Amino acid sequence: MSMRKMVLGAAMLAGLTVAGSASAQQTTTPAAAATPAAPDGAPAAAAPAPLPWRGTQLLTTFGVTLPTIFRDMNLTPNDTVDMTLILRPRWTFNRWVQLRGGLAFSYEFTNSDTTTTQHEPRFGDANLDLWITGIPPLGGAVKFWVAPRLVFPVSPESRARTLIVTPAVVVQAAYSVEHVLGGEFELIANATYSHPLYEYTTPGRRTPLPYQANCFGSGAGGSCSEQLSGGFNPSNTLSWAVIIAQSWTHVSPGVYFAMQHIWDYTGTNVNLVNNSPTSRRTNTIFAAWIDWNVNPWFTAEFGYQVFRNLLDGDGNWGNPFYAPYQDTRFYIQGIFSLDKIYEAIAGRGEHTGGVLRTRNHAPGQFAMF
């Protein structure tokens, strides 16, 4: 799996759910209020209690890079067409605490040079968050959420990096204003700090070598067959994201920008000519989309997305909004609200619409490199 897929796969599964208005973030469990008596004098049935797993979603995404469509964009189109399935379960205990998880599955239909194995089904890393949702709003308008997070090494890349677990903390703030241009305006921001824990500070091999390679300077019996040379694993990662969206009854356009700062482990300094290794990497993601609320349990999304390294090959800052030689793509996404599907089948109460927006960790939080 490519570095981009690691980022975008895990990035789409956890954390900051904008969730069309504050309804999905609201975790207060209203009591089943008694309803007025029926005309014949018999009491009416009480409204069903909210499902504890409300807000659980299944996302399906189909993406195509721009050079795959427009063949003259660059000299090496590197055709990339792929799909991703993401499950984001939730469990609300009370108005203060909500448990969230995420797991992504991806498959590439093409054979781009961003992957190492052709047409291999891939799982991304799994995450588990404990969100504190009962923090009083600031000034009655700005809402805050905080969550400790654990990321587990499910992907082959993280296992090759000898990742044990990644502890992290997420902080999120949201501000919304109703009756703006006939709809609702939302501004959402989040920041995540993580410190991965590894067995080694350098990546290992996915498969063993057919022979034992000797390490230079390792002495008799030394071997390099277990660990790979090259870049070090990340030691600390700080990422932040901002979402701006406008929602109407059935339509919601929005834009998203995120940046990730990665500090790598460093090895012993050696006296080489012009030796000035860089221990920090910076990546950006930009996305613009429009959501269409088809019904209370399904939202369709069409968008444009750019994932790139901040620096170009010449060391200058690159364009974060358009980069034909990096991962620039169109995508189509379907968001299924599983609890609302269940309620529709079971006939539980009335359903109100609202765009099921997902641009919080998609991309919002980043996977570990």
Protein backbone atom coordinates (compact mmCIF):
# COMPACT_ATOMS: atom_id res chain seq x y z
CA MET A 1 0.00 0.00 0.00
CA SER A 2 1.24 3.47 -0.80
CA MET A 3 2.04 6.15 1.74
CA ARG A 4 -0.90 8.12 0.36
CA LYS A 5 -3.31 5.25 0.93
CA MET A 6 -2.09 4.86 4.48
CA VAL A 7 -2.80 8.51 5.10
CA LEU A 8 -6.13 8.69 3.31
CA GLY A 9 -7.39 5.32 4.51
CA ALA A 10 -6.91 5.93 8.19
CA ALA A 11 -7.62 9.57 7.66
CA MET A 12 -11.14 8.79 6.61
CA LEU A 13 -12.06 6.68 9.53
CA ALA A 14 -11.84 8.44 12.86
CA GLY A 15 -11.92 11.66 14.71
CA LEU A 16 -13.64 14.79 13.74
CA THR A 17 -17.12 14.08 12.38
CA VAL A 18 -18.70 17.21 11.06
CA ALA A 19 -21.90 15.25 10.65
CA GLY A 20 -24.33 17.66 9.10
CA SER A 21 -25.03 20.14 11.85
CA ALA A 22 -24.30 19.40 15.45
CA SER A 23 -26.83 16.58 15.57
CA ALA A 24 -24.26 13.84 15.10
CA GLN A 25 -21.97 15.37 17.68
CA GLN A 26 -24.77 15.83 20.18
CA THR A 27 -24.66 12.91 22.57
CA THR A 28 -27.31 13.91 25.09
CA THR A 29 -29.73 11.03 25.53
CA PRO A 30 -33.23 12.46 25.91
CA ALA A 31 -35.59 10.54 28.10
CA ALA A 32 -38.57 8.92 26.43
CA ALA A 33 -41.16 11.59 27.14
CA ALA A 34 -44.72 10.57 27.86
CA THR A 35 -47.08 11.39 25.01
CA PRO A 36 -50.65 12.68 25.34
CA ALA A 37 -53.40 10.15 25.83
CA ALA A 38 -54.99 8.66 22.75
CA PRO A 39 -58.56 9.75 21.85
CA ASP A 40 -60.03 6.59 23.38
CA GLY A 41 -58.38 7.38 26.70
CA ALA A 42 -55.59 4.79 26.41
CA PRO A 43 -52.06 6.19 26.83
CA ALA A 44 -50.02 6.37 23.63
CA ALA A 45 -46.79 4.43 23.36
CA ALA A 46 -43.68 6.27 24.53
CA ALA A 47 -41.15 7.33 21.93
CA PRO A 48 -38.33 4.78 21.55
CA ALA A 49 -35.05 5.61 23.27
CA PRO A 50 -32.20 6.67 20.97
CA LEU A 51 -30.00 3.84 19.75
CA PRO A 52 -26.68 3.69 21.64
CA TRP A 53 -24.89 3.00 18.33
CA ARG A 54 -26.39 6.03 16.58
CA GLY A 55 -24.01 7.78 14.23
CA THR A 56 -22.44 4.52 12.99
CA GLN A 57 -21.54 4.90 9.31
CA LEU A 58 -20.33 2.90 6.33
CA LEU A 59 -18.48 4.85 3.63
CA THR A 60 -17.72 3.72 0.09
CA THR A 61 -15.26 5.74 -1.99
CA PHE A 62 -14.20 5.39 -5.63
CA GLY A 63 -11.26 7.54 -6.75
CA VAL A 64 -9.46 8.30 -10.02
CA THR A 65 -6.30 10.41 -10.36
CA LEU A 66 -6.54 13.26 -12.86
CA PRO A 67 -3.73 12.05 -15.21
CA THR A 68 -5.66 8.78 -15.57
CA ILE A 69 -8.46 10.79 -17.21
CA PHE A 70 -6.50 13.61 -18.84
CA ARG A 71 -3.60 11.83 -20.50
CA ASP A 72 -1.59 14.96 -21.37
CA MET A 73 -1.30 16.29 -17.82
CA ASN A 74 2.15 14.79 -17.34
CA LEU A 75 4.62 12.51 -19.11
CA THR A 76 4.00 9.55 -16.79
CA PRO A 77 0.28 9.35 -15.96
CA ASN A 78 0.80 6.43 -13.53
CA ASP A 79 -2.85 5.38 -13.85
CA THR A 80 -4.53 4.95 -10.47
CA VAL A 81 -8.11 3.80 -9.91
CA ASP A 82 -9.05 2.49 -6.48
CA MET A 83 -11.85 2.02 -3.99
CA THR A 84 -12.12 2.15 -0.21
CA LEU A 85 -14.68 0.83 2.28
CA ILE A 86 -14.67 2.38 5.73
CA LEU A 87 -16.61 1.26 8.79
CA ARG A 88 -16.96 3.85 11.57
CA PRO A 89 -18.85 2.38 14.55
CA ARG A 90 -19.96 4.50 17.50
CA TRP A 91 -21.36 3.75 20.90
CA THR A 92 -22.82 6.50 23.08
CA PHE A 93 -22.78 5.74 26.80
CA ASN A 94 -24.23 9.04 28.02
CA ARG A 95 -24.04 12.77 27.32
CA TRP A 96 -20.40 12.80 28.42
CA VAL A 97 -18.72 9.83 26.76
CA GLN A 98 -18.82 8.27 23.30
CA LEU A 99 -16.68 5.40 21.98
CA ARG A 100 -15.66 5.61 18.32
CA GLY A 101 -13.75 3.22 16.11
CA GLY A 102 -12.67 2.92 12.51
CA LEU A 103 -11.32 0.41 10.02
CA ALA A 104 -10.67 0.84 6.28
CA PHE A 105 -10.38 -1.68 3.46
CA SER A 106 -8.95 -0.66 0.08
CA TYR A 107 -8.35 -2.20 -3.32
CA GLU A 108 -6.55 -0.80 -6.36
CA PHE A 109 -7.92 -1.79 -9.77
CA THR A 110 -4.84 -0.52 -11.62
CA ASN A 111 -1.17 -1.30 -11.09
CA SER A 112 0.36 2.06 -10.17
CA ASP A 113 3.89 2.46 -8.86
CA THR A 114 2.54 3.64 -5.50
CA THR A 115 1.90 0.02 -4.48
CA THR A 116 4.26 -2.92 -4.16
CA THR A 117 1.85 -5.80 -4.81
CA GLN A 118 -0.62 -5.78 -7.67
CA HIS A 119 -4.36 -5.94 -6.82
CA GLU A 120 -3.73 -6.82 -3.19
CA PRO A 121 -6.71 -6.30 -0.83
CA ARG A 122 -5.58 -4.04 2.00
CA PHE A 123 -6.76 -3.17 5.47
CA GLY A 124 -5.67 0.10 7.01
CA ASP A 125 -4.80 0.63 10.66
CA ALA A 126 -7.66 0.43 13.15
CA ASN A 127 -8.35 3.20 15.63
CA LEU A 128 -10.28 3.40 18.88
CA ASP A 129 -11.25 6.77 20.42
CA LEU A 130 -12.93 7.74 23.68
CA TRP A 131 -14.61 11.09 23.05
CA ILE A 132 -15.45 13.45 25.91
CA THR A 133 -18.58 15.15 24.55
CA GLY A 134 -20.07 16.94 27.54
CA ILE A 135 -17.72 19.94 27.68
CA PRO A 136 -19.78 23.14 28.11
CA PRO A 137 -19.74 25.35 24.98
CA LEU A 138 -17.64 28.48 25.05
CA GLY A 139 -19.99 31.44 25.06
CA GLY A 140 -22.80 29.07 24.25
CA ALA A 141 -21.61 28.91 20.63
CA VAL A 142 -18.24 27.16 20.26
CA LYS A 143 -18.38 23.46 21.10
CA PHE A 144 -15.36 21.42 22.16
CA TRP A 145 -14.55 17.72 22.17
CA VAL A 146 -11.45 15.91 23.38
CA ALA A 147 -10.48 12.29 22.74
CA PRO A 148 -7.61 9.99 23.65
CA ARG A 149 -6.91 7.66 20.74
CA LEU A 150 -5.15 4.36 20.09
CA VAL A 151 -4.13 3.29 16.58
CA PHE A 152 -3.38 -0.40 16.09
CA PRO A 153 -1.00 -1.85 13.42
CA VAL A 154 -3.41 -3.67 11.11
CA SER A 155 -1.89 -2.49 7.82
CA PRO A 156 1.15 -4.35 6.44
CA GLU A 157 3.06 -1.04 6.31
CA SER A 158 2.65 -0.41 10.03
CA ARG A 159 3.58 -3.99 10.83
CA ALA A 160 6.68 -3.64 8.64
CA ARG A 161 7.55 -0.54 10.63
CA THR A 162 7.33 -2.73 13.76
CA LEU A 163 4.59 -0.51 15.16
CA ILE A 164 3.21 -1.71 18.51
CA VAL A 165 0.55 0.94 19.06
CA THR A 166 0.14 4.67 18.47
CA PRO A 167 -1.28 6.68 21.39
CA ALA A 168 -2.67 10.06 20.41
CA VAL A 169 -4.89 12.88 21.64
CA VAL A 170 -7.42 14.79 19.52
CA VAL A 171 -8.91 18.21 20.25
CA GLN A 172 -11.83 19.51 18.20
CA ALA A 173 -13.81 22.75 18.10
CA ALA A 174 -16.94 23.56 16.09
CA TYR A 175 -18.87 26.75 15.46
CA SER A 176 -22.13 26.91 13.52
CA VAL A 177 -24.50 29.74 12.58
CA GLU A 178 -28.04 29.14 11.42
CA HIS A 179 -29.94 31.21 8.86
CA VAL A 180 -26.90 32.06 6.75
CA LEU A 181 -27.89 32.36 3.07
CA GLY A 182 -30.95 30.31 3.88
CA GLY A 183 -28.97 27.48 5.46
CA GLU A 184 -26.40 26.73 8.15
CA PHE A 185 -22.73 27.75 8.14
CA GLU A 186 -20.16 25.55 9.90
CA LEU A 187 -16.54 26.08 10.85
CA ILE A 188 -14.73 23.11 12.37
CA ALA A 189 -11.09 22.73 13.39
CA ASN A 190 -9.09 19.98 15.03
CA ALA A 191 -5.56 19.11 16.05
CA THR A 192 -3.98 15.72 16.78
CA TYR A 193 -0.70 14.83 18.46
CA SER A 194 0.61 11.27 18.33
CA HIS A 195 3.70 9.42 19.48
CA PRO A 196 4.00 5.97 17.83
CA LEU A 197 5.63 3.15 19.76
CA TYR A 198 7.79 0.70 17.79
CA GLU A 199 9.91 -2.34 18.36
CA TYR A 200 12.60 -0.70 16.19
CA THR A 201 13.11 2.87 14.98
CA THR A 202 13.67 1.66 11.40
CA PRO A 203 11.30 -0.40 9.24
CA GLY A 204 11.61 -4.16 9.00
CA ARG A 205 11.16 -6.48 6.06
CA ARG A 206 7.74 -7.64 4.96
CA THR A 207 9.17 -10.96 3.72
CA PRO A 208 12.56 -12.52 4.63
CA LEU A 209 15.47 -12.39 2.22
CA PRO A 210 16.40 -15.67 0.49
CA TYR A 211 19.91 -15.31 1.91
CA GLN A 212 21.60 -13.56 4.82
CA ALA A 213 23.18 -10.25 3.83
CA ASN A 214 26.17 -9.09 5.87
CA CYS A 215 26.07 -5.65 7.45
CA PHE A 216 29.01 -3.36 6.83
CA GLY A 217 31.03 -3.00 10.01
CA SER A 218 28.87 -5.42 11.95
CA GLY A 219 31.65 -7.88 12.68
CA ALA A 220 31.51 -11.63 12.34
CA GLY A 221 28.04 -13.02 12.02
CA GLY A 222 26.39 -9.63 11.52
CA SER A 223 23.27 -9.53 9.34
CA CYS A 224 21.02 -6.88 7.78
CA SER A 225 18.29 -9.31 6.81
CA GLU A 226 15.79 -8.23 9.46
CA GLN A 227 15.82 -4.43 9.16
CA LEU A 228 15.71 -2.20 6.10
CA SER A 229 18.03 0.69 5.49
CA GLY A 230 16.59 4.06 4.55
CA GLY A 231 14.27 6.48 6.31
CA PHE A 232 13.55 6.25 10.01
CA ASN A 233 10.12 5.80 11.53
CA PRO A 234 8.20 8.85 12.80
CA SER A 235 8.81 9.69 16.43
CA ASN A 236 6.16 12.43 16.78
CA THR A 237 3.38 13.71 14.54
CA LEU A 238 1.32 16.87 14.82
CA SER A 239 -1.56 17.42 12.41
CA TRP A 240 -4.30 20.02 12.16
CA ALA A 241 -7.30 20.53 9.90
CA VAL A 242 -9.96 23.15 9.11
CA ILE A 243 -13.36 22.58 7.49
CA ILE A 244 -15.71 25.27 6.15
CA ALA A 245 -19.12 24.11 4.96
CA GLN A 246 -22.55 25.50 4.14
CA SER A 247 -25.61 23.26 4.55
CA TRP A 248 -29.07 23.48 3.08
CA THR A 249 -31.85 20.89 3.24
CA HIS A 250 -30.42 18.59 0.59
CA VAL A 251 -27.15 20.17 -0.55
CA SER A 252 -23.93 20.98 1.27
CA PRO A 253 -20.72 22.26 -0.39
CA GLY A 254 -17.53 22.52 1.60
CA VAL A 255 -13.74 22.87 1.58
CA TYR A 256 -11.11 21.24 3.72
CA PHE A 257 -7.42 21.83 4.39
CA ALA A 258 -5.11 19.78 6.58
CA MET A 259 -1.39 19.76 7.30
CA GLN A 260 0.74 17.11 8.93
CA HIS A 261 4.15 17.69 10.52
CA ILE A 262 6.24 14.54 11.05
CA TRP A 263 9.42 14.35 13.11
CA ASP A 264 11.46 11.22 12.40
CA TYR A 265 13.88 9.37 14.58
CA THR A 266 17.50 10.11 13.68
CA GLY A 267 20.51 7.83 13.74
CA THR A 268 24.08 8.41 14.73
CA ASN A 269 25.56 11.38 12.93
CA VAL A 270 28.38 10.50 10.55
CA ASN A 271 30.98 12.82 9.05
CA LEU A 272 29.93 12.97 5.43
CA VAL A 273 30.41 15.84 3.02
CA ASN A 274 27.37 18.16 3.03
CA ASN A 275 25.59 15.87 5.46
CA SER A 276 22.48 17.73 6.59
CA PRO A 277 19.66 15.22 7.03
CA THR A 278 16.11 16.50 7.38
CA SER A 279 14.23 15.08 10.35
CA ARG A 280 10.87 16.76 9.67
CA ARG A 281 8.42 16.13 6.85
CA THR A 282 5.30 18.12 6.00
CA ASN A 283 2.29 16.94 4.01
CA THR A 284 -0.92 18.71 3.03
CA ILE A 285 -4.39 17.68 1.95
CA PHE A 286 -6.88 19.93 0.22
CA ALA A 287 -10.41 18.87 -0.67
CA ALA A 288 -13.51 20.53 -2.08
CA TRP A 289 -16.82 18.71 -2.41
CA ILE A 290 -20.55 18.90 -2.71
CA ASP A 291 -22.87 16.58 -0.79
CA TRP A 292 -26.38 15.59 -1.83
CA ASN A 293 -28.69 14.28 0.87
CA VAL A 294 -30.67 11.64 -1.02
CA ASN A 295 -32.67 10.48 2.00
CA PRO A 296 -32.26 10.39 5.80
CA TRP A 297 -29.82 7.45 5.68
CA PHE A 298 -27.79 8.08 2.50
CA THR A 299 -25.66 10.98 1.30
CA ALA A 300 -23.80 11.06 -2.02
CA GLU A 301 -20.63 13.11 -2.38
CA PHE A 302 -18.57 14.24 -5.36
CA GLY A 303 -15.24 15.87 -4.69
CA TYR A 304 -11.76 16.93 -5.72
CA GLN A 305 -8.75 16.15 -3.54
CA VAL A 306 -5.00 16.80 -3.50
CA PHE A 307 -2.58 14.96 -1.22
CA ARG A 308 1.03 15.99 -1.51
CA ASN A 309 4.37 16.66 0.14
CA LEU A 310 4.64 20.36 0.88
CA LEU A 311 8.01 20.63 -0.85
CA ASP A 312 8.60 19.97 -4.53
CA GLY A 313 11.62 18.06 -5.76
CA ASP A 314 13.61 21.30 -6.07
CA GLY A 315 13.07 22.11 -2.39
CA ASN A 316 10.56 24.92 -2.99
CA TRP A 317 7.03 25.01 -1.64
CA GLY A 318 4.55 23.38 -3.96
CA ASN A 319 0.95 24.23 -4.85
CA PRO A 320 -1.34 22.53 -2.27
CA PHE A 321 -4.42 22.94 -4.50
CA TYR A 322 -3.15 21.48 -7.76
CA ALA A 323 -0.28 19.03 -8.19
CA PRO A 324 -0.52 16.87 -11.36
CA TYR A 325 2.66 14.97 -10.48
CA GLN A 326 1.36 14.04 -7.05
CA ASP A 327 -1.92 12.54 -5.87
CA THR A 328 -4.57 14.80 -7.42
CA ARG A 329 -7.92 13.10 -7.97
CA PHE A 330 -11.66 13.15 -8.37
CA TYR A 331 -13.71 10.90 -6.12
CA ILE A 332 -17.28 9.74 -5.59
CA GLN A 333 -18.37 8.75 -2.11
CA GLY A 334 -21.48 7.23 -0.59
CA ILE A 335 -22.19 7.64 3.13
CA PHE A 336 -24.62 5.18 4.70
CA SER A 337 -25.97 5.92 8.19
CA LEU A 338 -26.47 2.39 9.52
CA ASP A 339 -28.58 3.37 12.53
CA LYS A 340 -31.01 5.30 10.33
CA ILE A 341 -31.28 2.33 7.97
CA TYR A 342 -32.20 0.17 10.95
CA GLU A 343 -34.72 2.73 12.17
CA ALA A 344 -36.31 2.92 8.71
CA ILE A 345 -36.64 -0.87 8.55
CA ALA A 346 -37.91 -1.14 12.13
CA GLY A 347 -40.24 1.87 11.75
CA ARG A 348 -38.76 3.67 14.74
CA GLY A 349 -40.14 7.22 14.89
CA GLU A 350 -39.79 10.07 12.46
CA HIS A 351 -36.65 10.70 10.41
CA THR A 352 -35.23 14.08 9.65
CA GLY A 353 -32.78 14.73 6.88
CA GLY A 354 -29.43 16.40 7.04
CA VAL A 355 -26.21 15.95 5.16
CA LEU A 356 -24.09 13.13 6.60
CA ARG A 357 -20.83 14.92 6.13
CA THR A 358 -17.60 12.98 6.62
CA ARG A 359 -14.83 15.51 6.07
CA ASN A 360 -13.36 15.34 9.52
CA HIS A 361 -10.90 12.63 9.29
CA ALA A 362 -11.28 12.18 5.64
CA PRO A 363 -8.83 13.42 5.51
CA GLY A 364 -8.66 15.11 8.92
CA GLN A 365 -6.48 13.10 11.11
CA PHE A 366 -3.52 11.44 9.42
CA ALA A 367 -2.16 7.94 9.56
CA MET A 368 1.32 7.34 10.90
CA PHE A 369 4.03 7.12 8.23
